[in-house]
Amino acid sequence: MRKLLAPLWCAVVLLGVATVATAQCLIAENLIVSGGPGKDGIPALTNPTIVPADGADAFLLPEDLVLGVVVNGEARAYPHALMWWHEIVNDVLGGRPILVTFCPLTGSGIVHDPVLDGQQLNFGVSGLLFDNNLILFDRTTDSLWSQMRLESICGDFASTRPPLLPVVQTTWAAWKAMRPETTVVSFETGFSRNYDLYPYGDYDSLDNTQLLFPQTTNDPRLPMKENVLGITNGEVSRAYSMTRMANAAPRLAINDVVNGRSVLVVFDAASQLAIPFDRAREDGTVLEFDIVPGEGFPFMLRDRQTSSVWNLNGVSVSGPLAGQNLVKIPTFTSFWFAWSSFNAGSEIHELAAN
């Protein structure tokens, strides 16, 4: 993986948080700390320059990680290497506004609908953190928004939860194979940044137990920096460990039930891919899936009920259900320490339950 390492740049001393609105905060203000850069010190992007997939090969390596988003049939990739330095992209995809965020300290890439009650919000990086996680601010009211808490925590929008949209985290090569028509956010941002440089040293290494800022909880059931796919349904959350899945098999189709919701997690170790789908169809039928044997990527799935074949985009390409789609579950991956902090008591998927 292309990551030129630099020393950790974030200041680890706590600074006064004078910018926090004093009214309508959902959490104690002493838990909101400065990450070092001030408000807009990390510049968010709005309506960034995009290039076609072939153009992105000039600045992305096949193994580089991206956040892949599809809206109304239009696909776009947001490279991790760009998100390390900007953390927020206010964009339009498929004819509608979207908000793409990535917090390097918690490894969480999340996509929201930024239109609330008919009002489109534009977001920036506040420079503040809660449990090592990004806090955004909106430029309309200066309310503060916790990325992984998935809601506004201070200000006029306190308790507001913007709708979550699906996102796929995987390698550039895998995303391009799945979505050859994709566009990509360009490194031509107008800012002077070295997008080949990972600015956090070895922070994201699996055996690294260092956190840069105070953390209210620590769940020792998995390594802190373990990447997990999380699924929440009602009051129940479940984490799917990327390492445990990789140790079980190079590819998996996990048929699971989370608090009554039938889910499918499709996993591929080589492309660091884990996609969650809903297995239930509109008529109430619940499908079960297996990996279609074969080499190469992208691979296919087959449901046990009709023997229809499905691609990784959740579309049936042959069989009785040809042309039908599986619903992607809107969620994200993150480091375990962060997922377990924002989803206290989260279950951990046991592979034997497949």
Protein backbone atom coordinates (compact mmCIF):
# COMPACT_ATOMS: atom_id res chain seq x y z
CA MET A 1 0.00 0.00 0.00
CA ARG A 2 1.34 3.44 -0.94
CA LYS A 3 1.78 5.27 2.37
CA LEU A 4 4.82 7.45 2.89
CA LEU A 5 4.85 7.82 6.63
CA ALA A 6 5.31 11.12 8.40
CA PRO A 7 5.60 11.84 12.13
CA LEU A 8 2.29 12.31 13.87
CA TRP A 9 1.34 15.91 13.25
CA CYS A 10 -1.55 16.29 15.66
CA ALA A 11 -0.88 18.14 18.88
CA VAL A 12 -1.59 15.93 21.85
CA VAL A 13 -2.01 18.69 24.40
CA LEU A 14 -5.53 19.73 25.27
CA LEU A 15 -6.45 23.27 24.43
CA GLY A 16 -9.32 25.39 25.67
CA VAL A 17 -12.53 24.82 23.79
CA ALA A 18 -13.84 28.34 23.60
CA THR A 19 -15.67 27.72 20.34
CA VAL A 20 -18.20 25.25 21.74
CA ALA A 21 -21.69 26.63 22.00
CA THR A 22 -22.71 26.59 25.65
CA ALA A 23 -26.38 25.89 25.04
CA GLN A 24 -28.06 22.66 24.01
CA CYS A 25 -25.01 20.39 24.24
CA LEU A 26 -25.79 16.69 24.53
CA ILE A 27 -22.44 15.76 26.06
CA ALA A 28 -20.26 17.33 28.75
CA GLU A 29 -18.16 20.09 27.21
CA ASN A 30 -15.02 18.87 28.97
CA LEU A 31 -15.20 15.79 26.72
CA ILE A 32 -14.91 17.99 23.63
CA VAL A 33 -11.23 18.72 23.04
CA SER A 34 -9.13 20.53 20.48
CA GLY A 35 -7.32 18.40 17.93
CA GLY A 36 -4.73 21.10 17.27
CA PRO A 37 -5.82 22.77 14.01
CA GLY A 38 -8.49 25.39 14.58
CA LYS A 39 -11.83 25.83 12.85
CA ASP A 40 -11.30 25.22 9.11
CA GLY A 41 -7.62 24.52 9.85
CA ILE A 42 -8.27 21.28 8.00
CA PRO A 43 -9.95 22.56 4.83
CA ALA A 44 -13.12 20.79 3.75
CA LEU A 45 -13.80 20.50 0.02
CA THR A 46 -16.96 21.63 -1.72
CA ASN A 47 -17.89 20.53 -5.25
CA PRO A 48 -14.39 19.13 -5.87
CA THR A 49 -12.77 18.51 -9.24
CA ILE A 50 -13.51 15.02 -10.54
CA VAL A 51 -11.84 12.86 -13.16
CA PRO A 52 -12.86 9.64 -14.94
CA ALA A 53 -11.54 6.30 -13.73
CA ASP A 54 -8.76 6.14 -16.32
CA GLY A 55 -7.56 9.60 -15.29
CA ALA A 56 -7.35 8.54 -11.66
CA ASP A 57 -4.81 5.83 -12.49
CA ALA A 58 -2.25 8.62 -12.76
CA PHE A 59 -2.43 9.33 -9.03
CA LEU A 60 -3.96 6.21 -7.44
CA LEU A 61 -2.30 2.84 -7.03
CA PRO A 62 -4.44 -0.32 -7.30
CA GLU A 63 -4.10 -1.01 -3.55
CA ASP A 64 -4.99 2.52 -2.41
CA LEU A 65 -8.15 2.61 -0.32
CA VAL A 66 -11.18 4.60 -1.41
CA LEU A 67 -14.69 5.31 -0.20
CA GLY A 68 -17.07 4.27 -2.98
CA VAL A 69 -20.48 5.93 -3.17
CA VAL A 70 -23.37 5.37 -5.60
CA VAL A 71 -26.35 7.75 -5.77
CA ASN A 72 -29.11 7.35 -8.35
CA GLY A 73 -26.85 5.10 -10.40
CA GLU A 74 -23.87 7.50 -10.45
CA ALA A 75 -20.66 6.21 -8.82
CA ARG A 76 -17.77 8.16 -7.33
CA ALA A 77 -14.62 7.29 -5.39
CA TYR A 78 -13.19 9.42 -2.59
CA PRO A 79 -9.55 8.38 -1.99
CA HIS A 80 -8.41 7.91 1.60
CA ALA A 81 -5.23 9.78 0.67
CA LEU A 82 -7.33 12.87 -0.06
CA MET A 83 -9.62 12.41 2.93
CA TRP A 84 -6.63 12.23 5.33
CA TRP A 85 -6.02 15.89 4.57
CA HIS A 86 -9.55 17.25 4.11
CA GLU A 87 -11.85 14.93 6.12
CA ILE A 88 -15.04 16.46 4.63
CA VAL A 89 -16.32 16.68 1.07
CA ASN A 90 -19.54 18.56 0.34
CA ASP A 91 -20.49 17.12 -3.03
CA VAL A 92 -23.31 16.50 -5.49
CA LEU A 93 -23.74 12.98 -6.88
CA GLY A 94 -26.59 11.53 -8.89
CA GLY A 95 -28.27 14.92 -8.90
CA ARG A 96 -28.45 15.29 -5.12
CA PRO A 97 -26.18 16.75 -2.41
CA ILE A 98 -24.18 14.34 -0.28
CA LEU A 99 -21.80 14.77 2.64
CA VAL A 100 -18.75 12.49 2.68
CA THR A 101 -16.65 12.45 5.86
CA PHE A 102 -13.58 10.54 7.00
CA CYS A 103 -11.92 10.68 10.40
CA PRO A 104 -8.35 9.34 10.26
CA LEU A 105 -8.20 8.96 14.05
CA THR A 106 -11.15 6.55 14.14
CA GLY A 107 -10.81 5.11 10.61
CA SER A 108 -14.45 5.94 9.89
CA GLY A 109 -15.73 6.91 6.45
CA ILE A 110 -19.38 7.94 6.57
CA VAL A 111 -21.83 9.41 4.05
CA HIS A 112 -24.89 11.49 4.95
CA ASP A 113 -27.71 13.35 3.26
CA PRO A 114 -27.01 17.01 4.17
CA VAL A 115 -30.51 18.25 3.27
CA LEU A 116 -32.59 18.67 6.43
CA ASP A 117 -36.18 19.91 6.24
CA GLY A 118 -35.49 21.18 2.75
CA GLN A 119 -32.38 23.10 3.81
CA GLN A 120 -29.03 22.07 2.33
CA LEU A 121 -26.19 22.41 4.84
CA ASN A 122 -22.52 22.90 4.06
CA PHE A 123 -20.05 21.47 6.57
CA GLY A 124 -16.53 22.23 7.71
CA VAL A 125 -13.97 20.72 10.11
CA SER A 126 -14.37 22.29 13.56
CA GLY A 127 -10.93 21.29 14.83
CA LEU A 128 -12.65 19.63 17.79
CA LEU A 129 -12.87 15.97 18.75
CA PHE A 130 -15.03 13.75 20.93
CA ASP A 131 -13.60 10.34 21.80
CA ASN A 132 -10.87 10.92 19.17
CA ASN A 133 -13.57 11.37 16.52
CA LEU A 134 -14.19 14.19 14.08
CA ILE A 135 -16.62 16.96 15.02
CA LEU A 136 -18.09 18.87 12.09
CA PHE A 137 -19.79 22.25 12.10
CA ASP A 138 -22.43 23.50 9.69
CA ARG A 139 -21.95 26.93 8.17
CA THR A 140 -25.60 27.91 8.63
CA THR A 141 -25.90 27.72 12.42
CA ASP A 142 -22.40 26.75 13.67
CA SER A 143 -23.94 23.72 15.33
CA LEU A 144 -21.47 20.93 16.13
CA TRP A 145 -21.97 17.43 14.74
CA SER A 146 -20.29 14.24 15.99
CA GLN A 147 -19.36 12.07 13.02
CA MET A 148 -19.69 8.63 14.64
CA ARG A 149 -22.46 9.60 17.03
CA LEU A 150 -24.31 10.41 13.80
CA GLU A 151 -25.99 13.51 15.18
CA SER A 152 -25.57 17.14 16.12
CA ILE A 153 -24.30 17.45 19.69
CA CYS A 154 -24.36 21.24 20.26
CA GLY A 155 -26.29 24.19 18.89
CA ASP A 156 -29.54 24.78 17.08
CA PHE A 157 -29.52 21.35 15.45
CA ALA A 158 -28.75 19.41 18.67
CA SER A 159 -30.22 15.86 18.54
CA THR A 160 -30.74 16.08 14.75
CA ARG A 161 -29.62 12.93 12.94
CA PRO A 162 -29.04 13.37 9.19
CA PRO A 163 -29.98 10.34 7.08
CA LEU A 164 -27.17 7.83 6.61
CA LEU A 165 -26.28 6.72 3.06
CA PRO A 166 -24.46 3.53 1.94
CA VAL A 167 -20.70 3.61 1.38
CA VAL A 168 -18.22 0.92 0.35
CA GLN A 169 -14.63 1.00 1.56
CA THR A 170 -12.26 -1.01 -0.62
CA THR A 171 -9.19 -0.74 -2.83
CA TRP A 172 -9.15 1.44 -5.92
CA ALA A 173 -8.64 -1.61 -8.14
CA ALA A 174 -11.67 -3.35 -6.64
CA TRP A 175 -13.94 -0.32 -6.83
CA LYS A 176 -12.99 0.33 -10.46
CA ALA A 177 -13.69 -3.33 -11.30
CA MET A 178 -17.09 -3.10 -9.62
CA ARG A 179 -17.92 0.31 -11.07
CA PRO A 180 -15.84 0.93 -14.23
CA GLU A 181 -17.93 4.02 -14.99
CA THR A 182 -16.95 5.65 -11.67
CA THR A 183 -15.58 9.15 -11.37
CA VAL A 184 -12.94 10.02 -8.77
CA VAL A 185 -12.27 13.13 -6.71
CA SER A 186 -9.02 14.56 -8.06
CA PHE A 187 -5.93 15.48 -6.07
CA GLU A 188 -6.10 18.83 -7.89
CA THR A 189 -7.81 20.54 -4.97
CA GLY A 190 -6.25 23.98 -5.03
CA PHE A 191 -4.52 23.24 -1.72
CA SER A 192 -0.84 22.55 -1.23
CA ARG A 193 -0.85 19.04 0.24
CA ASN A 194 1.32 15.98 -0.33
CA TYR A 195 -1.37 13.39 -0.98
CA ASP A 196 1.27 10.65 -1.11
CA LEU A 197 2.04 11.32 2.55
CA TYR A 198 0.11 9.64 5.38
CA PRO A 199 0.36 12.21 8.18
CA TYR A 200 -0.21 9.90 11.15
CA GLY A 201 2.89 7.69 11.27
CA ASP A 202 2.01 4.09 12.13
CA TYR A 203 -1.16 5.13 13.96
CA ASP A 204 -3.43 2.81 11.95
CA SER A 205 -1.30 -0.31 12.40
CA LEU A 206 -3.18 -3.21 13.97
CA ASP A 207 -0.67 -3.53 16.81
CA ASN A 208 -0.63 0.21 17.58
CA THR A 209 -2.44 0.95 20.85
CA GLN A 210 -1.74 4.68 20.86
CA LEU A 211 -4.57 7.18 20.98
CA LEU A 212 -3.83 10.86 20.65
CA PHE A 213 -6.63 12.20 22.81
CA PRO A 214 -8.73 11.17 25.82
CA GLN A 215 -11.05 8.22 25.32
CA THR A 216 -14.02 7.59 27.60
CA THR A 217 -14.17 3.81 27.03
CA ASN A 218 -11.96 0.93 25.94
CA ASP A 219 -13.44 -2.45 25.04
CA PRO A 220 -10.63 -5.06 25.08
CA ARG A 221 -12.47 -7.80 23.19
CA LEU A 222 -10.71 -6.88 19.92
CA PRO A 223 -7.48 -4.99 19.19
CA MET A 224 -8.08 -1.24 19.36
CA LYS A 225 -7.16 -0.58 15.73
CA GLU A 226 -8.96 -3.63 14.33
CA ASN A 227 -11.07 -2.61 11.33
CA VAL A 228 -14.69 -3.65 11.76
CA LEU A 229 -17.82 -3.31 9.70
CA GLY A 230 -20.62 -2.28 12.01
CA ILE A 231 -24.34 -2.89 11.60
CA THR A 232 -26.97 -1.41 13.90
CA ASN A 233 -30.64 -2.32 13.96
CA GLY A 234 -32.70 -0.69 16.67
CA GLU A 235 -30.92 -1.08 19.99
CA VAL A 236 -28.60 -3.85 18.77
CA SER A 237 -25.21 -3.28 17.14
CA ARG A 238 -22.89 -5.95 15.74
CA ALA A 239 -19.28 -5.71 14.57
CA TYR A 240 -17.73 -7.88 11.87
CA SER A 241 -13.97 -8.14 12.38
CA MET A 242 -11.99 -7.86 9.15
CA THR A 243 -9.12 -9.88 10.63
CA ARG A 244 -11.36 -12.69 11.88
CA MET A 245 -13.12 -12.89 8.55
CA ALA A 246 -9.79 -12.98 6.69
CA ASN A 247 -8.54 -15.73 8.97
CA ALA A 248 -11.67 -17.77 8.23
CA ALA A 249 -11.56 -17.57 4.41
CA PRO A 250 -10.37 -15.30 1.60
CA ARG A 251 -14.02 -14.67 0.67
CA LEU A 252 -17.19 -15.01 2.67
CA ALA A 253 -20.92 -14.61 2.27
CA ILE A 254 -22.19 -14.25 5.83
CA ASN A 255 -25.92 -14.81 6.23
CA ASP A 256 -26.83 -13.25 9.54
CA VAL A 257 -29.72 -11.77 11.52
CA VAL A 258 -29.25 -8.56 13.51
CA ASN A 259 -32.12 -7.89 15.89
CA GLY A 260 -34.59 -9.43 13.47
CA ARG A 261 -33.12 -7.94 10.31
CA SER A 262 -31.79 -10.49 7.81
CA VAL A 263 -28.42 -9.26 6.59
CA LEU A 264 -25.75 -10.42 4.18
CA VAL A 265 -22.13 -9.38 4.64
CA VAL A 266 -19.99 -10.00 1.55
CA PHE A 267 -16.29 -10.07 2.40
CA ASP A 268 -13.13 -10.19 0.30
CA ALA A 269 -9.81 -10.11 2.10
CA ALA A 270 -7.62 -9.14 -0.85
CA SER A 271 -9.63 -6.00 -1.60
CA GLN A 272 -10.36 -5.19 2.08
CA LEU A 273 -14.02 -5.21 1.14
CA ALA A 274 -17.06 -5.79 3.36
CA ILE A 275 -20.48 -4.87 1.95
CA PRO A 276 -23.71 -5.25 3.96
CA PHE A 277 -27.01 -5.99 2.23
CA ASP A 278 -30.55 -6.72 3.41
CA ARG A 279 -31.42 -10.33 2.47
CA ALA A 280 -35.19 -9.74 2.62
CA ARG A 281 -37.09 -9.04 -0.61
CA GLU A 282 -40.18 -6.90 -0.95
CA ASP A 283 -42.43 -9.96 -0.98
CA GLY A 284 -41.05 -11.07 2.37
CA THR A 285 -38.83 -13.84 1.00
CA VAL A 286 -35.47 -14.02 2.77
CA LEU A 287 -32.59 -15.21 0.61
CA GLU A 288 -29.44 -17.03 1.66
CA PHE A 289 -26.22 -16.63 -0.29
CA ASP A 290 -23.02 -18.44 -1.17
CA ILE A 291 -19.90 -17.38 -3.04
CA VAL A 292 -19.78 -18.63 -6.63
CA PRO A 293 -16.47 -20.53 -6.90
CA GLY A 294 -13.90 -19.04 -9.22
CA GLU A 295 -10.85 -16.86 -9.44
CA GLY A 296 -10.58 -13.20 -10.21
CA PHE A 297 -12.43 -10.10 -9.17
CA PRO A 298 -15.22 -9.15 -9.08
CA PHE A 299 -16.70 -12.47 -8.01
CA MET A 300 -20.35 -13.48 -7.93
CA LEU A 301 -22.90 -14.71 -5.38
CA ARG A 302 -25.68 -17.27 -5.77
CA ASP A 303 -28.83 -17.42 -3.67
CA ARG A 304 -29.90 -20.82 -2.38
CA GLN A 305 -33.61 -20.27 -2.92
CA THR A 306 -33.66 -19.60 -6.70
CA SER A 307 -30.03 -20.17 -7.82
CA SER A 308 -30.01 -16.64 -9.25
CA VAL A 309 -26.54 -15.11 -9.61
CA TRP A 310 -25.78 -11.69 -8.12
CA ASN A 311 -22.87 -9.28 -8.55
CA LEU A 312 -21.14 -7.28 -5.83
CA ASN A 313 -23.34 -4.28 -6.55
CA GLY A 314 -26.30 -6.31 -5.33
CA VAL A 315 -27.82 -6.82 -8.78
CA SER A 316 -29.03 -10.22 -9.98
CA VAL A 317 -27.46 -10.84 -13.40
CA SER A 318 -29.02 -14.21 -14.21
CA GLY A 319 -31.65 -16.64 -13.02
CA PRO A 320 -35.30 -16.20 -11.98
CA LEU A 321 -34.51 -12.96 -10.11
CA ALA A 322 -32.47 -11.36 -12.91
CA GLY A 323 -32.66 -7.58 -12.80
CA GLN A 324 -33.65 -7.38 -9.16
CA ASN A 325 -31.59 -5.52 -6.56
CA LEU A 326 -30.57 -6.11 -2.98
CA VAL A 327 -30.83 -3.12 -0.67
CA LYS A 328 -27.49 -1.94 0.71
CA ILE A 329 -27.50 -1.27 4.42
CA PRO A 330 -26.24 2.27 5.14
CA THR A 331 -23.37 1.88 7.58
CA PHE A 332 -19.56 2.07 7.63
CA THR A 333 -16.27 0.60 8.82
CA SER A 334 -14.12 1.99 11.61
CA PHE A 335 -11.52 1.05 14.19
CA TRP A 336 -12.91 -1.22 16.90
CA PHE A 337 -12.11 1.16 19.77
CA ALA A 338 -14.29 3.80 18.12
CA TRP A 339 -17.14 1.49 17.08
CA SER A 340 -17.35 0.04 20.59
CA SER A 341 -17.26 3.52 22.13
CA PHE A 342 -20.13 4.88 20.06
CA ASN A 343 -22.00 1.55 20.18
CA ALA A 344 -21.55 0.45 23.78
CA GLY A 345 -22.08 -3.26 24.31
CA SER A 346 -21.83 -4.02 20.59
CA GLU A 347 -21.99 -7.68 19.73
CA ILE A 348 -19.13 -9.24 17.78
CA HIS A 349 -20.14 -11.59 15.00
CA GLU A 350 -19.16 -15.19 15.54
CA LEU A 351 -18.38 -16.80 12.19
CA ALA A 352 -19.93 -20.11 13.22
CA ALA A 353 -23.35 -18.39 13.02
CA ASN A 354 -23.21 -18.25 9.20
